[in-house]
């Protein structure tokens, strides 16, 4: 776990509940908690800054051909992990703690929890024992792997349609 006090980071911006920091070695931004959170606790409300038909690496999918940018904007700095500690509930428009978060802990979410087919897939190096390797979107997850994660209502609907097609 990286911490706020780690000299490997520089502070980019403070948002009362969390702080955007940049890793000095690679210029990657990340969002760190400034207070503890309990499982199920609402960390922040969010809204759609913009709505687009096509995904980008900064959007979250909320429907077929419907991708939003997050407001407040600092939430876009929540990085991926195969062992996430937060979840974007796009029905309630709330960022939720999945497990206990400590002060100075980096917030992470499972990208396929909000994306059916990602516009930019990538090889994951999150370091989690649960790491699934290639991150491409929920459409590419096996049923066993999908069963381990929480998904937005839209992605759950897509997974159900996928399962129904396999049965038919």
C-alpha atoms as a PDB file:
ATOM      1  CA  UNK A   1       0.000   0.000   0.000  1.00  0.00           C
ATOM      2  CA  UNK A   2       1.270   3.452  -0.940  1.00  0.00           C
ATOM      3  CA  UNK A   3       0.672   6.177   1.634  1.00  0.00           C
ATOM      4  CA  UNK A   4       0.283   9.939   1.574  1.00  0.00           C
ATOM      5  CA  UNK A   5       3.454  10.378   3.557  1.00  0.00           C
ATOM      6  CA  UNK A   6       5.438   8.411   0.998  1.00  0.00           C
ATOM      7  CA  UNK A   7       8.056  10.769  -0.508  1.00  0.00           C
ATOM      8  CA  UNK A   8       7.559   9.008  -3.854  1.00  0.00           C
ATOM      9  CA  UNK A   9       4.463  11.211  -4.382  1.00  0.00           C
ATOM     10  CA  UNK A  10       3.806  14.918  -4.773  1.00  0.00           C
ATOM     11  CA  UNK A  11       0.458  16.506  -3.894  1.00  0.00           C
ATOM     12  CA  UNK A  12      -1.513  17.692  -6.914  1.00  0.00           C
ATOM     13  CA  UNK A  13      -4.792  18.765  -5.263  1.00  0.00           C
ATOM     14  CA  UNK A  14      -6.696  18.434  -1.984  1.00  0.00           C
ATOM     15  CA  UNK A  15     -10.455  17.759  -1.945  1.00  0.00           C
ATOM     16  CA  UNK A  16     -11.207  17.431   1.802  1.00  0.00           C
ATOM     17  CA  UNK A  17     -12.210  13.742   1.536  1.00  0.00           C
ATOM     18  CA  UNK A  18      -9.283  12.747  -0.647  1.00  0.00           C
ATOM     19  CA  UNK A  19      -6.118  14.031  -2.263  1.00  0.00           C
ATOM     20  CA  UNK A  20      -4.804  13.619  -5.809  1.00  0.00           C
ATOM     21  CA  UNK A  21      -1.135  12.714  -5.741  1.00  0.00           C
ATOM     22  CA  UNK A  22       1.339  12.119  -8.542  1.00  0.00           C
ATOM     23  CA  UNK A  23       3.932   9.372  -8.370  1.00  0.00           C
ATOM     24  CA  UNK A  24       7.282  11.024  -9.012  1.00  0.00           C
ATOM     25  CA  UNK A  25       8.811   7.992 -10.776  1.00  0.00           C
ATOM     26  CA  UNK A  26       6.175   7.739 -13.535  1.00  0.00           C
ATOM     27  CA  UNK A  27       3.909  10.827 -13.258  1.00  0.00           C
ATOM     28  CA  UNK A  28       0.851   8.609 -12.639  1.00  0.00           C
ATOM     29  CA  UNK A  29      -1.903  10.311 -10.654  1.00  0.00           C
ATOM     30  CA  UNK A  30      -3.840   8.527  -7.902  1.00  0.00           C
ATOM     31  CA  UNK A  31      -6.505   9.404  -5.351  1.00  0.00           C
ATOM     32  CA  UNK A  32      -5.774   8.843  -1.656  1.00  0.00           C
ATOM     33  CA  UNK A  33      -8.276   8.838   1.226  1.00  0.00           C
ATOM     34  CA  UNK A  34      -7.851  11.615   3.778  1.00  0.00           C
ATOM     35  CA  UNK A  35     -10.082   9.912   6.323  1.00  0.00           C
ATOM     36  CA  UNK A  36     -11.098   6.324   7.106  1.00  0.00           C
ATOM     37  CA  UNK A  37     -14.189   4.741   5.530  1.00  0.00           C
ATOM     38  CA  UNK A  38     -16.252   1.724   6.530  1.00  0.00           C
ATOM     39  CA  UNK A  39     -17.649  -0.883   4.098  1.00  0.00           C
ATOM     40  CA  UNK A  40     -20.812   0.436   2.454  1.00  0.00           C
ATOM     41  CA  UNK A  41     -20.107   4.035   3.422  1.00  0.00           C
ATOM     42  CA  UNK A  42     -20.774   6.709   0.791  1.00  0.00           C
ATOM     43  CA  UNK A  43     -17.484   8.441   0.073  1.00  0.00           C
ATOM     44  CA  UNK A  44     -18.833  10.971  -2.417  1.00  0.00           C
ATOM     45  CA  UNK A  45     -21.795  11.761  -4.610  1.00  0.00           C
ATOM     46  CA  UNK A  46     -21.023  12.324  -8.269  1.00  0.00           C
ATOM     47  CA  UNK A  47     -22.758  13.429 -11.428  1.00  0.00           C
ATOM     48  CA  UNK A  48     -22.236  13.295 -15.165  1.00  0.00           C
ATOM     49  CA  UNK A  49     -19.959  16.074 -16.368  1.00  0.00           C
ATOM     50  CA  UNK A  50     -20.451  15.156 -20.003  1.00  0.00           C
ATOM     51  CA  UNK A  51     -22.300  12.344 -21.767  1.00  0.00           C
ATOM     52  CA  UNK A  52     -20.809  10.714 -24.857  1.00  0.00           C
ATOM     53  CA  UNK A  53     -21.795   7.926 -27.248  1.00  0.00           C
ATOM     54  CA  UNK A  54     -18.270   6.531 -27.341  1.00  0.00           C
ATOM     55  CA  UNK A  55     -16.065   5.571 -24.383  1.00  0.00           C
ATOM     56  CA  UNK A  56     -12.718   7.120 -23.559  1.00  0.00           C
ATOM     57  CA  UNK A  57     -10.193   6.137 -20.928  1.00  0.00           C
ATOM     58  CA  UNK A  58     -11.748   8.790 -18.646  1.00  0.00           C
ATOM     59  CA  UNK A  59     -15.422   7.795 -18.951  1.00  0.00           C
ATOM     60  CA  UNK A  60     -17.670   5.442 -17.017  1.00  0.00           C
ATOM     61  CA  UNK A  61     -20.326   3.496 -18.924  1.00  0.00           C
ATOM     62  CA  UNK A  62     -23.919   3.930 -17.746  1.00  0.00           C
ATOM     63  CA  UNK A  63     -25.802   2.457 -20.722  1.00  0.00           C
ATOM     64  CA  UNK A  64     -25.503   1.222 -24.281  1.00  0.00           C
ATOM     65  CA  UNK A  65     -23.735   4.048 -26.098  1.00  0.00           C
ATOM     66  CA  UNK A  66     -23.807   6.198 -22.938  1.00  0.00           C
ATOM     67  CA  UNK A  67     -20.542   7.100 -21.232  1.00  0.00           C
ATOM     68  CA  UNK A  68     -20.104   9.851 -18.655  1.00  0.00           C
ATOM     69  CA  UNK A  69     -17.220  11.856 -17.318  1.00  0.00           C
ATOM     70  CA  UNK A  70     -17.264  12.142 -13.550  1.00  0.00           C
ATOM     71  CA  UNK A  71     -17.981  15.284 -11.575  1.00  0.00           C
ATOM     72  CA  UNK A  72     -16.282  16.105  -9.312  1.00  0.00           C
ATOM     73  CA  UNK A  73     -13.407  15.644 -11.724  1.00  0.00           C
ATOM     74  CA  UNK A  74     -10.895  14.420  -9.121  1.00  0.00           C
ATOM     75  CA  UNK A  75     -12.740  11.071  -9.026  1.00  0.00           C
ATOM     76  CA  UNK A  76     -11.236  10.289 -12.443  1.00  0.00           C
ATOM     77  CA  UNK A  77      -7.938   9.639 -10.643  1.00  0.00           C
ATOM     78  CA  UNK A  78      -9.197   6.466  -9.005  1.00  0.00           C
ATOM     79  CA  UNK A  79      -7.053   3.766 -10.571  1.00  0.00           C
ATOM     80  CA  UNK A  80      -7.795   0.117 -11.335  1.00  0.00           C
ATOM     81  CA  UNK A  81      -7.156  -2.833  -9.035  1.00  0.00           C
ATOM     82  CA  UNK A  82      -8.269  -6.441  -9.224  1.00  0.00           C
ATOM     83  CA  UNK A  83      -8.794  -6.118  -5.437  1.00  0.00           C
ATOM     84  CA  UNK A  84     -10.764  -2.858  -5.401  1.00  0.00           C
ATOM     85  CA  UNK A  85     -11.671  -0.892  -2.294  1.00  0.00           C
ATOM     86  CA  UNK A  86     -14.307   1.418  -3.841  1.00  0.00           C
ATOM     87  CA  UNK A  87     -17.224   1.067  -6.265  1.00  0.00           C
ATOM     88  CA  UNK A  88     -18.987   3.548  -8.562  1.00  0.00           C
ATOM     89  CA  UNK A  89     -22.732   3.014  -8.085  1.00  0.00           C
ATOM     90  CA  UNK A  90     -23.964   4.646 -11.291  1.00  0.00           C
ATOM     91  CA  UNK A  91     -27.643   4.216 -10.365  1.00  0.00           C
ATOM     92  CA  UNK A  92     -27.360   6.121  -7.064  1.00  0.00           C
ATOM     93  CA  UNK A  93     -24.467   8.210  -8.458  1.00  0.00           C
ATOM     94  CA  UNK A  94     -22.361   7.509  -5.389  1.00  0.00           C
ATOM     95  CA  UNK A  95     -18.830   6.318  -4.746  1.00  0.00           C
ATOM     96  CA  UNK A  96     -19.084   3.534  -2.137  1.00  0.00           C
ATOM     97  CA  UNK A  97     -16.424   1.920   0.074  1.00  0.00           C
ATOM     98  CA  UNK A  98     -16.298  -1.825  -0.616  1.00  0.00           C
ATOM     99  CA  UNK A  99     -14.179  -2.563   2.414  1.00  0.00           C
ATOM    100  CA  UNK A 100     -12.555  -0.636   5.232  1.00  0.00           C
ATOM    101  CA  UNK A 101     -10.249   2.090   3.937  1.00  0.00           C
ATOM    102  CA  UNK A 102      -7.524   3.634   6.022  1.00  0.00           C
ATOM    103  CA  UNK A 103      -6.343   7.227   5.992  1.00  0.00           C
ATOM    104  CA  UNK A 104      -3.669   7.592   3.293  1.00  0.00           C
ATOM    105  CA  UNK A 105      -4.827   4.508   1.379  1.00  0.00           C
ATOM    106  CA  UNK A 106      -5.088   4.750  -2.402  1.00  0.00           C
ATOM    107  CA  UNK A 107      -8.654   4.378  -3.674  1.00  0.00           C
ATOM    108  CA  UNK A 108      -9.023   1.797  -6.435  1.00  0.00           C
ATOM    109  CA  UNK A 109     -11.896   0.273  -8.396  1.00  0.00           C
ATOM    110  CA  UNK A 110     -12.318  -2.685 -10.724  1.00  0.00           C
ATOM    111  CA  UNK A 111     -12.568  -1.103 -14.194  1.00  0.00           C
ATOM    112  CA  UNK A 112     -14.786  -3.876 -15.666  1.00  0.00           C
ATOM    113  CA  UNK A 113     -17.339  -3.078 -12.921  1.00  0.00           C
ATOM    114  CA  UNK A 114     -18.332  -0.053 -15.035  1.00  0.00           C
ATOM    115  CA  UNK A 115     -17.191  -0.985 -18.541  1.00  0.00           C
ATOM    116  CA  UNK A 116     -18.625  -3.618 -20.872  1.00  0.00           C
ATOM    117  CA  UNK A 117     -15.933  -3.335 -23.572  1.00  0.00           C
ATOM    118  CA  UNK A 118     -13.082  -0.978 -22.782  1.00  0.00           C
ATOM    119  CA  UNK A 119     -11.770   1.359 -25.444  1.00  0.00           C
ATOM    120  CA  UNK A 120      -8.199   0.820 -24.184  1.00  0.00           C
ATOM    121  CA  UNK A 121      -7.489  -2.611 -22.740  1.00  0.00           C
ATOM    122  CA  UNK A 122      -4.300  -3.085 -20.749  1.00  0.00           C
ATOM    123  CA  UNK A 123      -2.179  -5.624 -18.927  1.00  0.00           C
ATOM    124  CA  UNK A 124      -2.749  -5.269 -15.199  1.00  0.00           C
ATOM    125  CA  UNK A 125       0.142  -5.159 -12.775  1.00  0.00           C
ATOM    126  CA  UNK A 126      -1.881  -4.339  -9.638  1.00  0.00           C
ATOM    127  CA  UNK A 127       0.051  -6.926  -7.632  1.00  0.00           C
ATOM    128  CA  UNK A 128      -3.088  -8.446  -6.124  1.00  0.00           C
ATOM    129  CA  UNK A 129      -3.180 -12.232  -5.654  1.00  0.00           C
ATOM    130  CA  UNK A 130      -6.555 -11.951  -7.443  1.00  0.00           C
ATOM    131  CA  UNK A 131      -5.063 -10.155 -10.474  1.00  0.00           C
ATOM    132  CA  UNK A 132      -6.831 -11.246 -13.663  1.00  0.00           C
ATOM    133  CA  UNK A 133      -4.098 -10.033 -16.036  1.00  0.00           C
ATOM    134  CA  UNK A 134      -5.653  -8.486 -19.130  1.00  0.00           C
ATOM    135  CA  UNK A 135      -8.287  -5.819 -18.411  1.00  0.00           C
ATOM    136  CA  UNK A 136     -10.683  -5.542 -21.355  1.00  0.00           C
ATOM    137  CA  UNK A 137     -14.134  -5.049 -19.823  1.00  0.00           C
ATOM    138  CA  UNK A 138     -16.871  -7.140 -18.235  1.00  0.00           C
ATOM    139  CA  UNK A 139     -17.809  -8.725 -21.589  1.00  0.00           C
ATOM    140  CA  UNK A 140     -14.580 -10.719 -21.472  1.00  0.00           C
ATOM    141  CA  UNK A 141     -14.800 -12.038 -17.903  1.00  0.00           C
ATOM    142  CA  UNK A 142     -15.516 -15.668 -17.181  1.00  0.00           C
ATOM    143  CA  UNK A 143     -18.576 -16.429 -15.076  1.00  0.00           C
ATOM    144  CA  UNK A 144     -16.321 -17.521 -12.184  1.00  0.00           C
ATOM    145  CA  UNK A 145     -14.303 -14.298 -12.195  1.00  0.00           C
ATOM    146  CA  UNK A 146     -17.419 -12.132 -12.616  1.00  0.00           C
ATOM    147  CA  UNK A 147     -18.956 -13.804  -9.545  1.00  0.00           C
ATOM    148  CA  UNK A 148     -16.168 -12.293  -7.392  1.00  0.00           C
ATOM    149  CA  UNK A 149     -16.990  -8.640  -8.124  1.00  0.00           C
ATOM    150  CA  UNK A 150     -19.699  -6.033  -7.699  1.00  0.00           C
ATOM    151  CA  UNK A 151     -20.937  -4.468 -10.943  1.00  0.00           C
ATOM    152  CA  UNK A 152     -23.082  -1.475 -11.844  1.00  0.00           C
ATOM    153  CA  UNK A 153     -26.725  -2.189 -12.656  1.00  0.00           C
ATOM    154  CA  UNK A 154     -26.007  -1.682 -16.353  1.00  0.00           C
ATOM    155  CA  UNK A 155     -23.103  -4.151 -16.366  1.00  0.00           C
ATOM    156  CA  UNK A 156     -25.174  -6.662 -14.367  1.00  0.00           C
ATOM    157  CA  UNK A 157     -27.865  -6.439 -17.073  1.00  0.00           C
ATOM    158  CA  UNK A 158     -25.265  -7.009 -19.780  1.00  0.00           C
ATOM    159  CA  UNK A 159     -23.833 -10.014 -17.910  1.00  0.00           C
ATOM    160  CA  UNK A 160     -27.351 -11.482 -17.556  1.00  0.00           C
ATOM    161  CA  UNK A 161     -27.959 -11.048 -21.314  1.00  0.00           C
ATOM    162  CA  UNK A 162     -24.624 -12.738 -22.036  1.00  0.00           C
ATOM    163  CA  UNK A 163     -25.528 -15.680 -19.769  1.00  0.00           C
ATOM    164  CA  UNK A 164     -28.984 -15.996 -21.374  1.00  0.00           C
ATOM    165  CA  UNK A 165     -27.432 -16.135 -24.874  1.00  0.00           C
ATOM    166  CA  UNK A 166     -25.184 -19.003 -23.768  1.00  0.00           C
ATOM    167  CA  UNK A 167     -28.207 -20.964 -22.474  1.00  0.00           C
ATOM    168  CA  UNK A 168     -30.322 -20.361 -25.589  1.00  0.00           C
END
